[in-house]
């Protein structure tokens, strides 16, 4: 007989999700994929300075968590495309709020950092 896990055995939902999407690249990947479906190399160029290894790792984690889907087309050479899932698209609403907040408040944050260094 299997018992239900206690609340302390389950990870904190906030920490669990933020730990996975709060790394350096995940939000940029999600934001790029919100525009359209991308192939790996095109996505890498769109994001900029992310290495192939880090982009691959980030996409794999986002796929494991259900934010991204990977479609492999049986062509020679194989074509692979990445797109947001319904879960990934649903995350774009709060992410866009965060992006807009960052745009509005970025100058104040930079000025605060500068003032603390002086």
PDB file of N, CA and C in Angstrom:
ATOM      1  N   UNK A   1       0.846  -1.180   0.000  1.00  0.00           N
ATOM      2  CA  UNK A   1       0.000   0.000   0.000  1.00  0.00           C
ATOM      3  C   UNK A   1       0.890   1.241   0.000  1.00  0.00           C
ATOM      4  N   UNK A   2       0.593   2.180  -0.908  1.00  0.00           N
ATOM      5  CA  UNK A   2       1.363   3.408  -1.008  1.00  0.00           C
ATOM      6  C   UNK A   2       0.661   4.516  -0.270  1.00  0.00           C
ATOM      7  N   UNK A   3       1.400   5.209   0.556  1.00  0.00           N
ATOM      8  CA  UNK A   3       0.802   6.320   1.283  1.00  0.00           C
ATOM      9  C   UNK A   3       1.037   7.623   0.522  1.00  0.00           C
ATOM     10  N   UNK A   4       0.162   8.587   0.742  1.00  0.00           N
ATOM     11  CA  UNK A   4       0.298   9.902   0.122  1.00  0.00           C
ATOM     12  C   UNK A   4       1.506  10.607   0.725  1.00  0.00           C
ATOM     13  N   UNK A   5       2.271  11.330  -0.097  1.00  0.00           N
ATOM     14  CA  UNK A   5       3.415  12.055   0.451  1.00  0.00           C
ATOM     15  C   UNK A   5       2.946  13.187   1.363  1.00  0.00           C
ATOM     16  N   UNK A   6       3.714  13.429   2.389  1.00  0.00           N
ATOM     17  CA  UNK A   6       3.392  14.540   3.284  1.00  0.00           C
ATOM     18  C   UNK A   6       3.781  15.836   2.599  1.00  0.00           C
ATOM     19  N   UNK A   7       3.237  16.963   3.066  1.00  0.00           N
ATOM     20  CA  UNK A   7       3.588  18.246   2.451  1.00  0.00           C
ATOM     21  C   UNK A   7       5.089  18.516   2.460  1.00  0.00           C
ATOM     22  N   UNK A   8       5.796  18.001   3.454  1.00  0.00           N
ATOM     23  CA  UNK A   8       7.233  18.251   3.538  1.00  0.00           C
ATOM     24  C   UNK A   8       8.031  17.390   2.567  1.00  0.00           C
ATOM     25  N   UNK A   9       7.432  16.341   2.022  1.00  0.00           N
ATOM     26  CA  UNK A   9       8.108  15.494   1.050  1.00  0.00           C
ATOM     27  C   UNK A   9       7.963  16.041  -0.369  1.00  0.00           C
ATOM     28  N   UNK A  10       7.014  16.939  -0.571  1.00  0.00           N
ATOM     29  CA  UNK A  10       6.797  17.531  -1.879  1.00  0.00           C
ATOM     30  C   UNK A  10       7.563  18.847  -1.954  1.00  0.00           C
ATOM     31  N   UNK A  11       8.151  19.149  -3.112  1.00  0.00           N
ATOM     32  CA  UNK A  11       8.869  20.413  -3.214  1.00  0.00           C
ATOM     33  C   UNK A  11       7.903  21.588  -3.170  1.00  0.00           C
ATOM     34  N   UNK A  12       8.407  22.707  -2.701  1.00  0.00           N
ATOM     35  CA  UNK A  12       7.622  23.940  -2.725  1.00  0.00           C
ATOM     36  C   UNK A  12       7.322  24.270  -4.183  1.00  0.00           C
ATOM     37  N   UNK A  13       6.057  24.420  -4.558  1.00  0.00           N
ATOM     38  CA  UNK A  13       5.727  24.665  -5.969  1.00  0.00           C
ATOM     39  C   UNK A  13       6.412  25.907  -6.529  1.00  0.00           C
ATOM     40  N   UNK A  14       6.478  26.966  -5.752  1.00  0.00           N
ATOM     41  CA  UNK A  14       7.093  28.199  -6.242  1.00  0.00           C
ATOM     42  C   UNK A  14       8.578  27.979  -6.494  1.00  0.00           C
ATOM     43  N   UNK A  15       9.271  27.430  -5.510  1.00  0.00           N
ATOM     44  CA  UNK A  15      10.706  27.198  -5.649  1.00  0.00           C
ATOM     45  C   UNK A  15      10.988  26.202  -6.774  1.00  0.00           C
ATOM     46  N   UNK A  16      10.175  25.153  -6.844  1.00  0.00           N
ATOM     47  CA  UNK A  16      10.371  24.122  -7.860  1.00  0.00           C
ATOM     48  C   UNK A  16      10.279  24.707  -9.264  1.00  0.00           C
ATOM     49  N   UNK A  17       9.261  25.518  -9.524  1.00  0.00           N
ATOM     50  CA  UNK A  17       9.083  26.102 -10.857  1.00  0.00           C
ATOM     51  C   UNK A  17      10.127  27.181 -11.118  1.00  0.00           C
ATOM     52  N   UNK A  18      10.343  28.076 -10.159  1.00  0.00           N
ATOM     53  CA  UNK A  18      11.291  29.161 -10.377  1.00  0.00           C
ATOM     54  C   UNK A  18      12.721  28.657 -10.532  1.00  0.00           C
ATOM     55  N   UNK A  19      13.076  27.583  -9.838  1.00  0.00           N
ATOM     56  CA  UNK A  19      14.403  27.005 -10.005  1.00  0.00           C
ATOM     57  C   UNK A  19      14.609  26.519 -11.437  1.00  0.00           C
ATOM     58  N   UNK A  20      13.564  26.028 -12.057  1.00  0.00           N
ATOM     59  CA  UNK A  20      13.690  25.479 -13.407  1.00  0.00           C
ATOM     60  C   UNK A  20      13.644  26.559 -14.485  1.00  0.00           C
ATOM     61  N   UNK A  21      12.844  27.594 -14.298  1.00  0.00           N
ATOM     62  CA  UNK A  21      12.728  28.603 -15.354  1.00  0.00           C
ATOM     63  C   UNK A  21      13.514  29.862 -15.045  1.00  0.00           C
ATOM     64  N   UNK A  22      14.091  29.932 -13.852  1.00  0.00           N
ATOM     65  CA  UNK A  22      14.792  31.142 -13.442  1.00  0.00           C
ATOM     66  C   UNK A  22      16.271  31.148 -13.756  1.00  0.00           C
ATOM     67  N   UNK A  23      16.734  30.239 -14.598  1.00  0.00           N
ATOM     68  CA  UNK A  23      18.148  30.249 -14.950  1.00  0.00           C
ATOM     69  C   UNK A  23      18.408  31.344 -15.989  1.00  0.00           C
ATOM     70  N   UNK A  24      19.625  31.428 -16.442  1.00  0.00           N
ATOM     71  CA  UNK A  24      20.031  32.507 -17.334  1.00  0.00           C
ATOM     72  C   UNK A  24      19.342  32.460 -18.697  1.00  0.00           C
ATOM     73  N   UNK A  25      18.958  31.282 -19.187  1.00  0.00           N
ATOM     74  CA  UNK A  25      18.512  31.164 -20.572  1.00  0.00           C
ATOM     75  C   UNK A  25      17.044  30.803 -20.760  1.00  0.00           C
ATOM     76  N   UNK A  26      16.409  30.158 -19.806  1.00  0.00           N
ATOM     77  CA  UNK A  26      15.050  29.638 -20.021  1.00  0.00           C
ATOM     78  C   UNK A  26      14.047  30.710 -20.422  1.00  0.00           C
ATOM     79  N   UNK A  27      14.053  31.838 -19.722  1.00  0.00           N
ATOM     80  CA  UNK A  27      13.082  32.882 -20.048  1.00  0.00           C
ATOM     81  C   UNK A  27      13.326  33.451 -21.439  1.00  0.00           C
ATOM     82  N   UNK A  28      14.595  33.569 -21.832  1.00  0.00           N
ATOM     83  CA  UNK A  28      14.895  34.057 -23.179  1.00  0.00           C
ATOM     84  C   UNK A  28      14.429  33.067 -24.239  1.00  0.00           C
ATOM     85  N   UNK A  29      14.604  31.783 -23.981  1.00  0.00           N
ATOM     86  CA  UNK A  29      14.146  30.755 -24.918  1.00  0.00           C
ATOM     87  C   UNK A  29      12.623  30.793 -25.020  1.00  0.00           C
ATOM     88  N   UNK A  30      11.946  30.844 -23.891  1.00  0.00           N
ATOM     89  CA  UNK A  30      10.483  30.884 -23.903  1.00  0.00           C
ATOM     90  C   UNK A  30       9.969  32.118 -24.633  1.00  0.00           C
ATOM     91  N   UNK A  31      10.593  33.255 -24.380  1.00  0.00           N
ATOM     92  CA  UNK A  31      10.171  34.493 -25.035  1.00  0.00           C
ATOM     93  C   UNK A  31      10.374  34.396 -26.546  1.00  0.00           C
ATOM     94  N   UNK A  32      11.511  33.834 -26.978  1.00  0.00           N
ATOM     95  CA  UNK A  32      11.766  33.675 -28.410  1.00  0.00           C
ATOM     96  C   UNK A  32      10.752  32.730 -29.045  1.00  0.00           C
ATOM     97  N   UNK A  33      10.432  31.639 -28.356  1.00  0.00           N
ATOM     98  CA  UNK A  33       9.483  30.668 -28.899  1.00  0.00           C
ATOM     99  C   UNK A  33       8.043  31.183 -28.870  1.00  0.00           C
ATOM    100  N   UNK A  34       7.782  32.234 -28.101  1.00  0.00           N
ATOM    101  CA  UNK A  34       6.424  32.790 -28.086  1.00  0.00           C
ATOM    102  C   UNK A  34       6.083  33.438 -29.419  1.00  0.00           C
ATOM    103  N   UNK A  35       7.115  33.826 -30.162  1.00  0.00           N
ATOM    104  CA  UNK A  35       6.922  34.471 -31.455  1.00  0.00           C
ATOM    105  C   UNK A  35       6.575  33.464 -32.546  1.00  0.00           C
ATOM    106  N   UNK A  36       7.280  32.315 -32.534  1.00  0.00           N
ATOM    107  CA  UNK A  36       7.084  31.326 -33.592  1.00  0.00           C
ATOM    108  C   UNK A  36       7.836  30.048 -33.250  1.00  0.00           C
ATOM    109  N   UNK A  37       7.681  29.053 -34.102  1.00  0.00           N
ATOM    110  CA  UNK A  37       8.430  27.805 -34.007  1.00  0.00           C
ATOM    111  C   UNK A  37       9.810  28.048 -34.607  1.00  0.00           C
ATOM    112  N   UNK A  38      10.840  27.516 -33.946  1.00  0.00           N
ATOM    113  CA  UNK A  38      12.209  27.729 -34.421  1.00  0.00           C
ATOM    114  C   UNK A  38      12.948  26.409 -34.559  1.00  0.00           C
ATOM    115  N   UNK A  39      13.871  26.368 -35.501  1.00  0.00           N
ATOM    116  CA  UNK A  39      14.853  25.299 -35.567  1.00  0.00           C
ATOM    117  C   UNK A  39      16.001  25.687 -34.640  1.00  0.00           C
ATOM    118  N   UNK A  40      16.792  24.701 -34.224  1.00  0.00           N
ATOM    119  CA  UNK A  40      17.822  24.913 -33.210  1.00  0.00           C
ATOM    120  C   UNK A  40      18.776  26.060 -33.573  1.00  0.00           C
ATOM    121  N   UNK A  41      19.408  25.991 -34.748  1.00  0.00           N
ATOM    122  CA  UNK A  41      20.405  27.003 -35.102  1.00  0.00           C
ATOM    123  C   UNK A  41      19.803  28.394 -35.241  1.00  0.00           C
ATOM    124  N   UNK A  42      18.597  28.470 -35.761  1.00  0.00           N
ATOM    125  CA  UNK A  42      17.931  29.764 -35.891  1.00  0.00           C
ATOM    126  C   UNK A  42      17.587  30.319 -34.516  1.00  0.00           C
ATOM    127  N   UNK A  43      17.141  29.454 -33.621  1.00  0.00           N
ATOM    128  CA  UNK A  43      16.848  29.870 -32.249  1.00  0.00           C
ATOM    129  C   UNK A  43      18.118  30.362 -31.565  1.00  0.00           C
ATOM    130  N   UNK A  44      19.217  29.669 -31.783  1.00  0.00           N
ATOM    131  CA  UNK A  44      20.480  30.089 -31.178  1.00  0.00           C
ATOM    132  C   UNK A  44      20.879  31.478 -31.685  1.00  0.00           C
ATOM    133  N   UNK A  45      20.728  31.716 -32.974  1.00  0.00           N
ATOM    134  CA  UNK A  45      21.050  33.045 -33.522  1.00  0.00           C
ATOM    135  C   UNK A  45      20.106  34.103 -32.965  1.00  0.00           C
ATOM    136  N   UNK A  46      18.836  33.757 -32.811  1.00  0.00           N
ATOM    137  CA  UNK A  46      17.838  34.707 -32.294  1.00  0.00           C
ATOM    138  C   UNK A  46      18.187  35.134 -30.869  1.00  0.00           C
ATOM    139  N   UNK A  47      18.623  34.190 -30.045  1.00  0.00           N
ATOM    140  CA  UNK A  47      18.934  34.488 -28.644  1.00  0.00           C
ATOM    141  C   UNK A  47      20.266  35.218 -28.532  1.00  0.00           C
ATOM    142  N   UNK A  48      21.233  34.822 -29.338  1.00  0.00           N
ATOM    143  CA  UNK A  48      22.501  35.532 -29.310  1.00  0.00           C
ATOM    144  C   UNK A  48      23.628  34.717 -28.720  1.00  0.00           C
ATOM    145  N   UNK A  49      24.086  35.097 -27.554  1.00  0.00           N
ATOM    146  CA  UNK A  49      25.339  34.569 -27.024  1.00  0.00           C
ATOM    147  C   UNK A  49      25.225  33.270 -26.232  1.00  0.00           C
ATOM    148  N   UNK A  50      24.202  32.492 -26.454  1.00  0.00           N
ATOM    149  CA  UNK A  50      24.069  31.194 -25.779  1.00  0.00           C
ATOM    150  C   UNK A  50      24.855  30.143 -26.575  1.00  0.00           C
ATOM    151  N   UNK A  51      25.590  29.291 -25.851  1.00  0.00           N
ATOM    152  CA  UNK A  51      26.335  28.228 -26.528  1.00  0.00           C
ATOM    153  C   UNK A  51      25.376  27.126 -26.980  1.00  0.00           C
ATOM    154  N   UNK A  52      25.825  26.315 -27.940  1.00  0.00           N
ATOM    155  CA  UNK A  52      25.007  25.190 -28.406  1.00  0.00           C
ATOM    156  C   UNK A  52      24.706  24.241 -27.250  1.00  0.00           C
ATOM    157  N   UNK A  53      25.713  23.973 -26.430  1.00  0.00           N
ATOM    158  CA  UNK A  53      25.550  23.057 -25.304  1.00  0.00           C
ATOM    159  C   UNK A  53      24.524  23.587 -24.302  1.00  0.00           C
ATOM    160  N   UNK A  54      24.597  24.869 -23.972  1.00  0.00           N
ATOM    161  CA  UNK A  54      23.664  25.438 -23.001  1.00  0.00           C
ATOM    162  C   UNK A  54      22.258  25.531 -23.578  1.00  0.00           C
ATOM    163  N   UNK A  55      22.137  25.872 -24.851  1.00  0.00           N
ATOM    164  CA  UNK A  55      20.814  25.917 -25.468  1.00  0.00           C
ATOM    165  C   UNK A  55      20.198  24.530 -25.503  1.00  0.00           C
ATOM    166  N   UNK A  56      20.994  23.538 -25.847  1.00  0.00           N
ATOM    167  CA  UNK A  56      20.503  22.160 -25.872  1.00  0.00           C
ATOM    168  C   UNK A  56      20.029  21.722 -24.488  1.00  0.00           C
ATOM    169  N   UNK A  57      20.806  22.017 -23.468  1.00  0.00           N
ATOM    170  CA  UNK A  57      20.441  21.668 -22.088  1.00  0.00           C
ATOM    171  C   UNK A  57      19.164  22.396 -21.670  1.00  0.00           C
ATOM    172  N   UNK A  58      19.069  23.673 -22.002  1.00  0.00           N
ATOM    173  CA  UNK A  58      17.890  24.469 -21.637  1.00  0.00           C
ATOM    174  C   UNK A  58      16.645  23.944 -22.330  1.00  0.00           C
ATOM    175  N   UNK A  59      16.744  23.659 -23.621  1.00  0.00           N
ATOM    176  CA  UNK A  59      15.593  23.124 -24.357  1.00  0.00           C
ATOM    177  C   UNK A  59      15.167  21.768 -23.806  1.00  0.00           C
ATOM    178  N   UNK A  60      16.125  20.935 -23.464  1.00  0.00           N
ATOM    179  CA  UNK A  60      15.814  19.610 -22.901  1.00  0.00           C
ATOM    180  C   UNK A  60      15.051  19.760 -21.576  1.00  0.00           C
ATOM    181  N   UNK A  61      15.503  20.655 -20.718  1.00  0.00           N
ATOM    182  CA  UNK A  61      14.815  20.870 -19.434  1.00  0.00           C
ATOM    183  C   UNK A  61      13.417  21.446 -19.636  1.00  0.00           C
ATOM    184  N   UNK A  62      13.295  22.393 -20.551  1.00  0.00           N
ATOM    185  CA  UNK A  62      11.974  22.973 -20.814  1.00  0.00           C
ATOM    186  C   UNK A  62      11.032  21.935 -21.419  1.00  0.00           C
ATOM    187  N   UNK A  63      11.581  21.034 -22.215  1.00  0.00           N
ATOM    188  CA  UNK A  63      10.770  19.945 -22.774  1.00  0.00           C
ATOM    189  C   UNK A  63      10.346  18.977 -21.668  1.00  0.00           C
ATOM    190  N   UNK A  64      11.262  18.632 -20.771  1.00  0.00           N
ATOM    191  CA  UNK A  64      10.934  17.731 -19.654  1.00  0.00           C
ATOM    192  C   UNK A  64       9.830  18.309 -18.781  1.00  0.00           C
ATOM    193  N   UNK A  65       9.849  19.628 -18.594  1.00  0.00           N
ATOM    194  CA  UNK A  65       8.852  20.282 -17.744  1.00  0.00           C
ATOM    195  C   UNK A  65       7.552  20.586 -18.475  1.00  0.00           C
ATOM    196  N   UNK A  66       7.497  20.314 -19.774  1.00  0.00           N
ATOM    197  CA  UNK A  66       6.254  20.481 -20.518  1.00  0.00           C
ATOM    198  C   UNK A  66       6.033  21.857 -21.108  1.00  0.00           C
ATOM    199  N   UNK A  67       7.053  22.735 -21.094  1.00  0.00           N
ATOM    200  CA  UNK A  67       6.912  24.076 -21.661  1.00  0.00           C
ATOM    201  C   UNK A  67       7.132  24.083 -23.174  1.00  0.00           C
ATOM    202  N   UNK A  68       7.971  23.163 -23.646  1.00  0.00           N
ATOM    203  CA  UNK A  68       8.412  23.155 -25.044  1.00  0.00           C
ATOM    204  C   UNK A  68       8.192  21.764 -25.633  1.00  0.00           C
ATOM    205  N   UNK A  69       7.852  21.749 -26.899  1.00  0.00           N
ATOM    206  CA  UNK A  69       7.768  20.487 -27.625  1.00  0.00           C
ATOM    207  C   UNK A  69       8.840  20.476 -28.714  1.00  0.00           C
ATOM    208  N   UNK A  70       9.375  19.317 -28.952  1.00  0.00           N
ATOM    209  CA  UNK A  70      10.386  19.123 -29.991  1.00  0.00           C
ATOM    210  C   UNK A  70       9.806  18.184 -31.029  1.00  0.00           C
ATOM    211  N   UNK A  71       9.786  18.618 -32.280  1.00  0.00           N
ATOM    212  CA  UNK A  71       9.256  17.805 -33.364  1.00  0.00           C
ATOM    213  C   UNK A  71      10.399  17.462 -34.312  1.00  0.00           C
ATOM    214  N   UNK A  72      10.580  16.163 -34.546  1.00  0.00           N
ATOM    215  CA  UNK A  72      11.614  15.689 -35.460  1.00  0.00           C
ATOM    216  C   UNK A  72      10.933  15.236 -36.745  1.00  0.00           C
ATOM    217  N   UNK A  73      11.369  15.798 -37.869  1.00  0.00           N
ATOM    218  CA  UNK A  73      10.815  15.430 -39.164  1.00  0.00           C
ATOM    219  C   UNK A  73      11.756  14.437 -39.841  1.00  0.00           C
ATOM    220  N   UNK A  74      11.198  13.327 -40.338  1.00  0.00           N
ATOM    221  CA  UNK A  74      12.038  12.279 -40.936  1.00  0.00           C
ATOM    222  C   UNK A  74      12.532  12.673 -42.333  1.00  0.00           C
ATOM    223  N   UNK A  75      13.472  13.591 -42.351  1.00  0.00           N
ATOM    224  CA  UNK A  75      14.071  14.056 -43.597  1.00  0.00           C
ATOM    225  C   UNK A  75      15.565  13.779 -43.528  1.00  0.00           C
ATOM    226  N   UNK A  76      16.240  13.981 -44.625  1.00  0.00           N
ATOM    227  CA  UNK A  76      17.696  13.843 -44.645  1.00  0.00           C
ATOM    228  C   UNK A  76      18.267  15.189 -45.053  1.00  0.00           C
ATOM    229  N   UNK A  77      18.981  15.851 -44.170  1.00  0.00           N
ATOM    230  CA  UNK A  77      19.179  15.516 -42.757  1.00  0.00           C
ATOM    231  C   UNK A  77      17.901  15.788 -41.971  1.00  0.00           C
ATOM    232  N   UNK A  78      17.775  15.173 -40.790  1.00  0.00           N
ATOM    233  CA  UNK A  78      16.562  15.373 -39.991  1.00  0.00           C
ATOM    234  C   UNK A  78      16.368  16.850 -39.635  1.00  0.00           C
ATOM    235  N   UNK A  79      15.131  17.274 -39.694  1.00  0.00           N
ATOM    236  CA  UNK A  79      14.774  18.647 -39.309  1.00  0.00           C
ATOM    237  C   UNK A  79      14.110  18.564 -37.949  1.00  0.00           C
ATOM    238  N   UNK A  80      14.572  19.402 -37.018  1.00  0.00           N
ATOM    239  CA  UNK A  80      14.019  19.434 -35.665  1.00  0.00           C
ATOM    240  C   UNK A  80      13.522  20.845 -35.398  1.00  0.00           C
ATOM    241  N   UNK A  81      12.290  20.954 -34.915  1.00  0.00           N
ATOM    242  CA  UNK A  81      11.705  22.257 -34.593  1.00  0.00           C
ATOM    243  C   UNK A  81      11.237  22.270 -33.152  1.00  0.00           C
ATOM    244  N   UNK A  82      11.327  23.442 -32.560  1.00  0.00           N
ATOM    245  CA  UNK A  82      10.913  23.650 -31.171  1.00  0.00           C
ATOM    246  C   UNK A  82       9.782  24.659 -31.138  1.00  0.00           C
ATOM    247  N   UNK A  83       8.791  24.389 -30.282  1.00  0.00           N
ATOM    248  CA  UNK A  83       7.638  25.274 -30.151  1.00  0.00           C
ATOM    249  C   UNK A  83       7.138  25.210 -28.715  1.00  0.00           C
ATOM    250  N   UNK A  84       6.377  26.218 -28.332  1.00  0.00           N
ATOM    251  CA  UNK A  84       5.754  26.203 -27.012  1.00  0.00           C
ATOM    252  C   UNK A  84       4.576  25.242 -27.005  1.00  0.00           C
ATOM    253  N   UNK A  85       4.383  24.585 -25.893  1.00  0.00           N
ATOM    254  CA  UNK A  85       3.190  23.766 -25.669  1.00  0.00           C
ATOM    255  C   UNK A  85       2.083  24.683 -25.144  1.00  0.00           C
ATOM    256  N   UNK A  86       0.920  24.134 -24.893  1.00  0.00           N
ATOM    257  CA  UNK A  86      -0.150  24.924 -24.271  1.00  0.00           C
ATOM    258  C   UNK A  86       0.305  25.451 -22.914  1.00  0.00           C
ATOM    259  N   UNK A  87       1.016  24.623 -22.154  1.00  0.00           N
ATOM    260  CA  UNK A  87       1.539  25.062 -20.854  1.00  0.00           C
ATOM    261  C   UNK A  87       2.522  26.218 -21.038  1.00  0.00           C
ATOM    262  N   UNK A  88       3.411  26.096 -22.010  1.00  0.00           N
ATOM    263  CA  UNK A  88       4.367  27.170 -22.293  1.00  0.00           C
ATOM    264  C   UNK A  88       3.676  28.458 -22.698  1.00  0.00           C
ATOM    265  N   UNK A  89       2.646  28.347 -23.548  1.00  0.00           N
ATOM    266  CA  UNK A  89       1.897  29.541 -23.957  1.00  0.00           C
ATOM    267  C   UNK A  89       1.167  30.165 -22.774  1.00  0.00           C
ATOM    268  N   UNK A  90       0.659  29.330 -21.869  1.00  0.00           N
ATOM    269  CA  UNK A  90      -0.043  29.877 -20.700  1.00  0.00           C
ATOM    270  C   UNK A  90       0.925  30.621 -19.785  1.00  0.00           C
ATOM    271  N   UNK A  91       2.201  30.230 -19.801  1.00  0.00           N
ATOM    272  CA  UNK A  91       3.201  30.910 -18.977  1.00  0.00           C
ATOM    273  C   UNK A  91       3.578  32.276 -19.549  1.00  0.00           C
ATOM    274  N   UNK A  92       3.305  32.515 -20.818  1.00  0.00           N
ATOM    275  CA  UNK A  92       3.699  33.769 -21.437  1.00  0.00           C
ATOM    276  C   UNK A  92       2.940  34.964 -20.860  1.00  0.00           C
ATOM    277  N   UNK A  93       1.726  34.764 -20.396  1.00  0.00           N
ATOM    278  CA  UNK A  93       0.977  35.892 -19.821  1.00  0.00           C
ATOM    279  C   UNK A  93       1.704  36.469 -18.598  1.00  0.00           C
ATOM    280  N   UNK A  94       2.028  35.668 -17.574  1.00  0.00           N
ATOM    281  CA  UNK A  94       2.776  36.259 -16.446  1.00  0.00           C
ATOM    282  C   UNK A  94       4.197  36.665 -16.853  1.00  0.00           C
ATOM    283  N   UNK A  95       4.811  35.950 -17.792  1.00  0.00           N
ATOM    284  CA  UNK A  95       6.157  36.322 -18.223  1.00  0.00           C
ATOM    285  C   UNK A  95       6.142  37.683 -18.907  1.00  0.00           C
ATOM    286  N   UNK A  96       5.132  37.953 -19.727  1.00  0.00           N
ATOM    287  CA  UNK A  96       5.040  39.262 -20.378  1.00  0.00           C
ATOM    288  C   UNK A  96       4.847  40.384 -19.370  1.00  0.00           C
ATOM    289  N   UNK A  97       4.129  40.115 -18.295  1.00  0.00           N
ATOM    290  CA  UNK A  97       3.995  41.110 -17.225  1.00  0.00           C
ATOM    291  C   UNK A  97       5.373  41.404 -16.627  1.00  0.00           C
ATOM    292  N   UNK A  98       6.154  40.354 -16.372  1.00  0.00           N
ATOM    293  CA  UNK A  98       7.502  40.519 -15.836  1.00  0.00           C
ATOM    294  C   UNK A  98       8.393  41.278 -16.820  1.00  0.00           C
ATOM    295  N   UNK A  99       8.321  40.939 -18.098  1.00  0.00           N
ATOM    296  CA  UNK A  99       9.117  41.622 -19.116  1.00  0.00           C
ATOM    297  C   UNK A  99       8.761  43.106 -19.166  1.00  0.00           C
ATOM    298  N   UNK A 100       7.474  43.422 -19.151  1.00  0.00           N
ATOM    299  CA  UNK A 100       7.048  44.825 -19.176  1.00  0.00           C
ATOM    300  C   UNK A 100       7.503  45.560 -17.920  1.00  0.00           C
ATOM    301  N   UNK A 101       7.396  44.896 -16.765  1.00  0.00           N
ATOM    302  CA  UNK A 101       7.849  45.508 -15.515  1.00  0.00           C
ATOM    303  C   UNK A 101       9.341  45.811 -15.588  1.00  0.00           C
ATOM    304  N   UNK A 102      10.121  44.858 -16.095  1.00  0.00           N
ATOM    305  CA  UNK A 102      11.562  45.052 -16.215  1.00  0.00           C
ATOM    306  C   UNK A 102      11.875  46.219 -17.150  1.00  0.00           C
ATOM    307  N   UNK A 103      11.160  46.320 -18.272  1.00  0.00           N
ATOM    308  CA  UNK A 103      11.377  47.432 -19.197  1.00  0.00           C
ATOM    309  C   UNK A 103      11.100  48.775 -18.525  1.00  0.00           C
ATOM    310  N   UNK A 104      10.014  48.866 -17.786  1.00  0.00           N
ATOM    311  CA  UNK A 104       9.625  50.117 -17.140  1.00  0.00           C
ATOM    312  C   UNK A 104      10.601  50.505 -16.024  1.00  0.00           C
ATOM    313  N   UNK A 105      11.088  49.518 -15.261  1.00  0.00           N
ATOM    314  CA  UNK A 105      11.877  49.810 -14.068  1.00  0.00           C
ATOM    315  C   UNK A 105      13.379  49.606 -14.211  1.00  0.00           C
ATOM    316  N   UNK A 106      13.831  49.217 -15.383  1.00  0.00           N
ATOM    317  CA  UNK A 106      15.253  48.909 -15.560  1.00  0.00           C
ATOM    318  C   UNK A 106      16.153  50.106 -15.239  1.00  0.00           C
ATOM    319  N   UNK A 107      15.820  51.273 -15.708  1.00  0.00           N
ATOM    320  CA  UNK A 107      16.640  52.452 -15.452  1.00  0.00           C
ATOM    321  C   UNK A 107      16.749  52.738 -13.950  1.00  0.00           C
ATOM    322  N   UNK A 108      15.644  52.621 -13.225  1.00  0.00           N
ATOM    323  CA  UNK A 108      15.674  52.854 -11.776  1.00  0.00           C
ATOM    324  C   UNK A 108      16.564  51.831 -11.073  1.00  0.00           C
ATOM    325  N   UNK A 109      16.539  50.592 -11.531  1.00  0.00           N
ATOM    326  CA  UNK A 109      17.376  49.549 -10.941  1.00  0.00           C
ATOM    327  C   UNK A 109      18.849  49.837 -11.209  1.00  0.00           C
ATOM    328  N   UNK A 110      19.163  50.210 -12.444  1.00  0.00           N
ATOM    329  CA  UNK A 110      20.551  50.542 -12.793  1.00  0.00           C
ATOM    330  C   UNK A 110      21.033  51.733 -11.974  1.00  0.00           C
ATOM    331  N   UNK A 111      20.205  52.744 -11.832  1.00  0.00           N
ATOM    332  CA  UNK A 111      20.587  53.920 -11.035  1.00  0.00           C
ATOM    333  C   UNK A 111      20.793  53.557  -9.570  1.00  0.00           C
ATOM    334  N   UNK A 112      19.967  52.677  -9.041  1.00  0.00           N
ATOM    335  CA  UNK A 112      20.123  52.229  -7.656  1.00  0.00           C
ATOM    336  C   UNK A 112      21.434  51.470  -7.476  1.00  0.00           C
ATOM    337  N   UNK A 113      21.767  50.618  -8.415  1.00  0.00           N
ATOM    338  CA  UNK A 113      23.043  49.893  -8.350  1.00  0.00           C
ATOM    339  C   UNK A 113      24.214  50.862  -8.371  1.00  0.00           C
ATOM    340  N   UNK A 114      24.129  51.846  -9.263  1.00  0.00           N
ATOM    341  CA  UNK A 114      25.193  52.836  -9.377  1.00  0.00           C
ATOM    342  C   UNK A 114      25.347  53.606  -8.065  1.00  0.00           C
ATOM    343  N   UNK A 115      24.225  54.005  -7.453  1.00  0.00           N
ATOM    344  CA  UNK A 115      24.276  54.754  -6.205  1.00  0.00           C
ATOM    345  C   UNK A 115      24.891  53.932  -5.079  1.00  0.00           C
ATOM    346  N   UNK A 116      24.662  52.633  -5.064  1.00  0.00           N
ATOM    347  CA  UNK A 116      25.225  51.778  -4.013  1.00  0.00           C
ATOM    348  C   UNK A 116      26.730  51.604  -4.174  1.00  0.00           C
ATOM    349  N   UNK A 117      27.242  51.728  -5.377  1.00  0.00           N
ATOM    350  CA  UNK A 117      28.686  51.598  -5.606  1.00  0.00           C
ATOM    351  C   UNK A 117      29.432  52.863  -5.247  1.00  0.00           C
ATOM    352  N   UNK A 118      28.743  53.969  -5.219  1.00  0.00           N
ATOM    353  CA  UNK A 118      29.402  55.270  -4.946  1.00  0.00           C
ATOM    354  C   UNK A 118      29.646  55.490  -3.480  1.00  0.00           C
TER     355      UNK A 118
END
